[in-house]
């Protein structure tokens, strides 16, 4: 497989145009609605699951450590001794804006 992005893109387009799997060049069932073969789709599914599990473990450790040190679990900012919320004011504002700041259509 070529190392240059432009070369890889050319091969990807050629394989896709000819009806082959763009990743491995294997045959794809013509009735399939997917462009990748079953083996490559399985590879992507497994890869994404493994990566997600690793990232979630790292995030959970960081969250627990920051919470134990009385820091904001999102940004790591030191919280005051009398501050009784888990998340700092800035992160709470961001979260509020994300959740409620968008205009939503009224339900009838």
N, C-alpha and C. Protein backbone atom coordinates (compact mmCIF):
# COMPACT_ATOMS: atom_id res chain seq x y z
N UNK A 1 0.85 -1.19 0.00
CA UNK A 1 0.00 0.00 0.00
C UNK A 1 0.89 1.23 0.00
N UNK A 2 0.60 2.19 -0.86
CA UNK A 2 1.40 3.42 -0.93
C UNK A 2 1.30 4.23 0.36
N UNK A 3 2.34 4.97 0.63
CA UNK A 3 2.38 5.75 1.86
C UNK A 3 1.87 7.17 1.67
N UNK A 4 1.92 7.69 0.49
CA UNK A 4 1.46 9.05 0.23
C UNK A 4 -0.06 9.10 0.20
N UNK A 5 -0.63 10.15 0.79
CA UNK A 5 -2.09 10.28 0.84
C UNK A 5 -2.70 10.36 -0.55
N UNK A 6 -2.05 11.09 -1.45
CA UNK A 6 -2.61 11.24 -2.79
C UNK A 6 -2.64 9.90 -3.53
N UNK A 7 -1.59 9.08 -3.35
CA UNK A 7 -1.57 7.76 -3.99
C UNK A 7 -2.65 6.85 -3.42
N UNK A 8 -2.82 6.89 -2.09
CA UNK A 8 -3.85 6.07 -1.45
C UNK A 8 -5.23 6.48 -1.94
N UNK A 9 -5.44 7.78 -2.08
CA UNK A 9 -6.74 8.28 -2.52
C UNK A 9 -7.04 7.80 -3.95
N UNK A 10 -6.04 7.80 -4.79
CA UNK A 10 -6.23 7.34 -6.18
C UNK A 10 -6.64 5.87 -6.19
N UNK A 11 -5.93 5.05 -5.42
CA UNK A 11 -6.25 3.62 -5.35
C UNK A 11 -7.64 3.41 -4.78
N UNK A 12 -7.98 4.19 -3.73
CA UNK A 12 -9.31 4.10 -3.13
C UNK A 12 -10.38 4.36 -4.18
N UNK A 13 -10.22 5.42 -4.97
CA UNK A 13 -11.22 5.76 -6.00
C UNK A 13 -11.31 4.70 -7.08
N UNK A 14 -10.15 4.15 -7.50
CA UNK A 14 -10.15 3.12 -8.53
C UNK A 14 -10.89 1.87 -8.06
N UNK A 15 -10.61 1.45 -6.84
CA UNK A 15 -11.26 0.25 -6.30
C UNK A 15 -12.75 0.48 -6.13
N UNK A 16 -13.12 1.64 -5.64
CA UNK A 16 -14.54 1.94 -5.42
C UNK A 16 -15.29 1.98 -6.75
N UNK A 17 -14.66 2.58 -7.75
CA UNK A 17 -15.29 2.69 -9.08
C UNK A 17 -15.48 1.31 -9.72
N UNK A 18 -14.55 0.41 -9.48
CA UNK A 18 -14.64 -0.92 -10.08
C UNK A 18 -15.53 -1.88 -9.28
N UNK A 19 -16.05 -1.41 -8.12
CA UNK A 19 -16.96 -2.23 -7.33
C UNK A 19 -16.26 -3.13 -6.33
N UNK A 20 -14.98 -2.88 -6.09
CA UNK A 20 -14.22 -3.66 -5.11
C UNK A 20 -14.20 -2.92 -3.77
N UNK A 21 -13.77 -3.61 -2.75
CA UNK A 21 -13.62 -3.01 -1.43
C UNK A 21 -12.47 -2.00 -1.49
N UNK A 22 -12.69 -0.75 -1.12
CA UNK A 22 -11.63 0.26 -1.20
C UNK A 22 -10.44 -0.01 -0.28
N UNK A 23 -10.65 -0.78 0.79
CA UNK A 23 -9.57 -1.02 1.74
C UNK A 23 -8.66 -2.17 1.30
N UNK A 24 -9.26 -3.31 0.96
CA UNK A 24 -8.44 -4.50 0.66
C UNK A 24 -8.45 -4.89 -0.81
N UNK A 25 -9.41 -4.39 -1.58
CA UNK A 25 -9.50 -4.74 -2.99
C UNK A 25 -10.29 -6.01 -3.25
N UNK A 26 -10.86 -6.58 -2.22
CA UNK A 26 -11.66 -7.81 -2.37
C UNK A 26 -13.01 -7.51 -2.99
N UNK A 27 -13.70 -8.57 -3.38
CA UNK A 27 -15.00 -8.40 -4.02
C UNK A 27 -16.07 -8.09 -2.98
N UNK A 28 -16.99 -7.22 -3.37
CA UNK A 28 -18.11 -6.85 -2.52
C UNK A 28 -19.38 -7.36 -3.20
N UNK A 29 -20.28 -7.91 -2.41
CA UNK A 29 -21.55 -8.40 -2.92
C UNK A 29 -22.29 -7.24 -3.60
N UNK A 30 -22.75 -7.44 -4.83
CA UNK A 30 -23.39 -6.35 -5.57
C UNK A 30 -24.70 -5.91 -4.95
N UNK A 31 -25.36 -6.80 -4.22
CA UNK A 31 -26.62 -6.46 -3.58
C UNK A 31 -26.41 -5.71 -2.27
N UNK A 32 -25.18 -5.67 -1.79
CA UNK A 32 -24.87 -5.01 -0.52
C UNK A 32 -24.96 -3.49 -0.67
N UNK A 33 -25.46 -2.84 0.37
CA UNK A 33 -25.55 -1.38 0.34
C UNK A 33 -24.27 -0.72 0.86
N UNK A 34 -23.30 -1.54 1.28
CA UNK A 34 -22.04 -1.03 1.83
C UNK A 34 -20.95 -1.07 0.77
N UNK A 35 -19.96 -0.18 0.90
CA UNK A 35 -18.87 -0.18 -0.08
C UNK A 35 -17.72 -1.08 0.36
N UNK A 36 -17.64 -1.40 1.67
CA UNK A 36 -16.57 -2.27 2.17
C UNK A 36 -17.05 -3.71 2.24
N UNK A 37 -16.11 -4.65 2.11
CA UNK A 37 -16.45 -6.07 2.21
C UNK A 37 -16.76 -6.41 3.67
N UNK A 38 -17.31 -7.61 3.88
CA UNK A 38 -17.71 -8.03 5.23
C UNK A 38 -16.51 -8.10 6.18
N UNK A 39 -15.37 -8.57 5.68
CA UNK A 39 -14.18 -8.68 6.54
C UNK A 39 -13.70 -7.30 7.01
N UNK A 40 -13.66 -6.35 6.10
CA UNK A 40 -13.21 -5.00 6.47
C UNK A 40 -14.22 -4.32 7.39
N UNK A 41 -15.49 -4.53 7.17
CA UNK A 41 -16.50 -3.96 8.06
C UNK A 41 -16.37 -4.53 9.47
N UNK A 42 -16.10 -5.82 9.55
CA UNK A 42 -15.88 -6.46 10.85
C UNK A 42 -14.64 -5.88 11.53
N UNK A 43 -13.57 -5.66 10.75
CA UNK A 43 -12.35 -5.06 11.29
C UNK A 43 -12.64 -3.69 11.88
N UNK A 44 -13.35 -2.84 11.15
CA UNK A 44 -13.67 -1.49 11.63
C UNK A 44 -14.53 -1.55 12.89
N UNK A 45 -15.48 -2.44 12.92
CA UNK A 45 -16.36 -2.58 14.09
C UNK A 45 -15.55 -2.94 15.33
N UNK A 46 -14.68 -3.93 15.20
CA UNK A 46 -13.85 -4.36 16.33
C UNK A 46 -12.86 -3.29 16.74
N UNK A 47 -12.25 -2.63 15.77
CA UNK A 47 -11.27 -1.60 16.07
C UNK A 47 -11.92 -0.46 16.85
N UNK A 48 -13.09 -0.02 16.41
CA UNK A 48 -13.77 1.07 17.09
C UNK A 48 -14.18 0.69 18.51
N UNK A 49 -14.63 -0.53 18.72
CA UNK A 49 -15.02 -0.98 20.06
C UNK A 49 -13.83 -1.00 21.00
N UNK A 50 -12.70 -1.54 20.54
CA UNK A 50 -11.50 -1.61 21.37
C UNK A 50 -11.00 -0.20 21.72
N UNK A 51 -10.97 0.66 20.74
CA UNK A 51 -10.50 2.03 20.97
C UNK A 51 -11.40 2.76 21.94
N UNK A 52 -12.71 2.61 21.78
CA UNK A 52 -13.66 3.26 22.68
C UNK A 52 -13.49 2.79 24.11
N UNK A 53 -13.28 1.50 24.30
CA UNK A 53 -13.10 0.96 25.65
C UNK A 53 -11.85 1.54 26.31
N UNK A 54 -10.75 1.63 25.56
CA UNK A 54 -9.51 2.19 26.10
C UNK A 54 -9.70 3.65 26.50
N UNK A 55 -10.33 4.42 25.62
CA UNK A 55 -10.54 5.84 25.90
C UNK A 55 -11.45 6.02 27.10
N UNK A 56 -12.50 5.22 27.20
CA UNK A 56 -13.42 5.34 28.34
C UNK A 56 -12.73 5.02 29.66
N UNK A 57 -11.84 4.02 29.68
CA UNK A 57 -11.11 3.69 30.90
C UNK A 57 -10.21 4.85 31.33
N UNK A 58 -9.52 5.45 30.37
CA UNK A 58 -8.64 6.58 30.66
C UNK A 58 -9.44 7.75 31.20
N UNK A 59 -10.56 8.06 30.57
CA UNK A 59 -11.40 9.18 31.01
C UNK A 59 -11.97 8.93 32.40
N UNK A 60 -12.38 7.70 32.69
CA UNK A 60 -12.94 7.36 33.99
C UNK A 60 -11.89 7.54 35.09
N UNK A 61 -10.65 7.10 34.83
CA UNK A 61 -9.56 7.27 35.80
C UNK A 61 -9.32 8.74 36.08
N UNK A 62 -9.24 9.54 35.00
CA UNK A 62 -8.99 10.98 35.14
C UNK A 62 -10.13 11.64 35.91
N UNK A 63 -11.37 11.27 35.62
CA UNK A 63 -12.53 11.83 36.30
C UNK A 63 -12.46 11.54 37.80
N UNK A 64 -12.21 10.27 38.15
CA UNK A 64 -12.15 9.88 39.56
C UNK A 64 -11.00 10.58 40.29
N UNK A 65 -9.84 10.69 39.64
CA UNK A 65 -8.69 11.34 40.26
C UNK A 65 -8.98 12.82 40.51
N UNK A 66 -9.54 13.51 39.54
CA UNK A 66 -9.85 14.93 39.70
C UNK A 66 -10.91 15.14 40.77
N UNK A 67 -11.89 14.26 40.81
CA UNK A 67 -12.95 14.38 41.80
C UNK A 67 -12.38 14.19 43.21
N UNK A 68 -11.47 13.25 43.34
CA UNK A 68 -10.83 13.00 44.63
C UNK A 68 -9.99 14.20 45.09
N UNK A 69 -9.33 14.88 44.14
CA UNK A 69 -8.49 16.04 44.47
C UNK A 69 -9.30 17.33 44.59
N UNK A 70 -10.62 17.24 44.49
CA UNK A 70 -11.53 18.38 44.55
C UNK A 70 -11.25 19.38 43.41
N UNK A 71 -11.14 18.80 42.20
CA UNK A 71 -10.98 19.58 40.98
C UNK A 71 -12.19 19.34 40.09
N UNK A 72 -12.40 20.27 39.17
CA UNK A 72 -13.47 20.07 38.18
C UNK A 72 -13.08 18.87 37.31
N UNK A 73 -13.94 17.86 37.20
CA UNK A 73 -13.58 16.68 36.41
C UNK A 73 -13.46 16.94 34.92
N UNK A 74 -14.01 18.03 34.44
CA UNK A 74 -13.96 18.32 33.01
C UNK A 74 -12.70 19.08 32.62
N UNK A 75 -12.41 20.18 33.34
CA UNK A 75 -11.29 21.03 32.94
C UNK A 75 -10.09 20.93 33.89
N UNK A 76 -10.27 20.38 35.08
CA UNK A 76 -9.18 20.23 36.02
C UNK A 76 -8.93 21.44 36.90
N UNK A 77 -9.78 22.43 36.80
CA UNK A 77 -9.63 23.65 37.59
C UNK A 77 -9.87 23.33 39.07
N UNK A 78 -9.04 23.92 39.93
CA UNK A 78 -9.16 23.70 41.37
C UNK A 78 -10.45 24.36 41.88
N UNK A 79 -11.24 23.61 42.65
CA UNK A 79 -12.49 24.13 43.20
C UNK A 79 -12.24 24.63 44.62
N UNK A 80 -12.99 25.64 45.04
CA UNK A 80 -12.84 26.18 46.38
C UNK A 80 -13.24 25.16 47.44
N UNK A 81 -12.76 25.39 48.67
CA UNK A 81 -13.05 24.43 49.75
C UNK A 81 -14.54 24.40 50.08
N UNK A 82 -15.20 25.54 49.98
CA UNK A 82 -16.63 25.60 50.31
C UNK A 82 -17.53 25.36 49.11
N UNK A 83 -16.96 25.20 47.96
CA UNK A 83 -17.74 24.96 46.74
C UNK A 83 -18.26 23.53 46.81
N UNK A 84 -19.58 23.35 46.80
CA UNK A 84 -20.16 22.02 47.02
C UNK A 84 -20.64 21.32 45.75
N UNK A 85 -20.47 21.93 44.59
CA UNK A 85 -20.85 21.27 43.34
C UNK A 85 -19.64 20.52 42.78
N UNK A 86 -19.89 19.59 41.92
CA UNK A 86 -18.81 18.78 41.37
C UNK A 86 -18.11 19.50 40.21
N UNK A 87 -18.87 20.19 39.40
CA UNK A 87 -18.35 20.85 38.20
C UNK A 87 -18.22 22.35 38.46
N UNK A 88 -17.15 22.97 37.93
CA UNK A 88 -16.91 24.39 38.15
C UNK A 88 -17.97 25.25 37.44
N UNK A 89 -18.02 26.52 37.81
CA UNK A 89 -19.03 27.45 37.26
C UNK A 89 -18.92 27.57 35.74
N UNK A 90 -17.69 27.69 35.21
CA UNK A 90 -17.50 27.86 33.77
C UNK A 90 -18.03 26.65 32.99
N UNK A 91 -17.72 25.47 33.48
CA UNK A 91 -18.19 24.25 32.80
C UNK A 91 -19.70 24.10 32.92
N UNK A 92 -20.25 24.53 34.06
CA UNK A 92 -21.71 24.49 34.22
C UNK A 92 -22.38 25.43 33.23
N UNK A 93 -21.80 26.61 33.04
CA UNK A 93 -22.36 27.57 32.07
C UNK A 93 -22.32 27.00 30.65
N UNK A 94 -21.18 26.39 30.31
CA UNK A 94 -21.06 25.78 28.98
C UNK A 94 -22.10 24.69 28.79
N UNK A 95 -22.26 23.85 29.82
CA UNK A 95 -23.22 22.77 29.74
C UNK A 95 -24.65 23.30 29.62
N UNK A 96 -24.95 24.34 30.39
CA UNK A 96 -26.28 24.94 30.33
C UNK A 96 -26.54 25.52 28.94
N UNK A 97 -25.54 26.21 28.40
CA UNK A 97 -25.69 26.80 27.07
C UNK A 97 -25.89 25.71 26.02
N UNK A 98 -25.15 24.61 26.17
CA UNK A 98 -25.28 23.51 25.22
C UNK A 98 -26.67 22.88 25.30
N UNK A 99 -27.15 22.67 26.53
CA UNK A 99 -28.45 22.00 26.71
C UNK A 99 -29.64 22.89 26.41
N UNK A 100 -29.58 24.14 26.87
CA UNK A 100 -30.76 24.99 26.81
C UNK A 100 -30.58 26.23 25.94
N UNK A 101 -29.41 26.50 25.46
CA UNK A 101 -29.15 27.69 24.68
C UNK A 101 -29.67 27.63 23.26
N UNK A 102 -29.87 26.44 22.75
CA UNK A 102 -30.34 26.29 21.38
C UNK A 102 -31.84 26.49 21.34
N UNK A 103 -32.29 27.15 20.30
CA UNK A 103 -33.74 27.34 20.16
C UNK A 103 -34.33 26.05 19.62
N UNK A 104 -35.32 25.56 20.30
CA UNK A 104 -35.99 24.34 19.89
C UNK A 104 -37.41 24.67 19.47
N UNK A 105 -37.90 23.95 18.48
CA UNK A 105 -39.29 24.22 18.08
C UNK A 105 -40.25 23.84 19.21
N UNK A 106 -41.28 24.64 19.36
CA UNK A 106 -42.27 24.39 20.40
C UNK A 106 -43.13 23.19 20.02
N UNK A 107 -43.42 22.37 21.00
CA UNK A 107 -44.27 21.20 20.76
C UNK A 107 -45.73 21.66 20.84
N UNK A 108 -46.51 21.11 19.96
CA UNK A 108 -47.93 21.48 19.94
C UNK A 108 -48.78 20.44 20.59
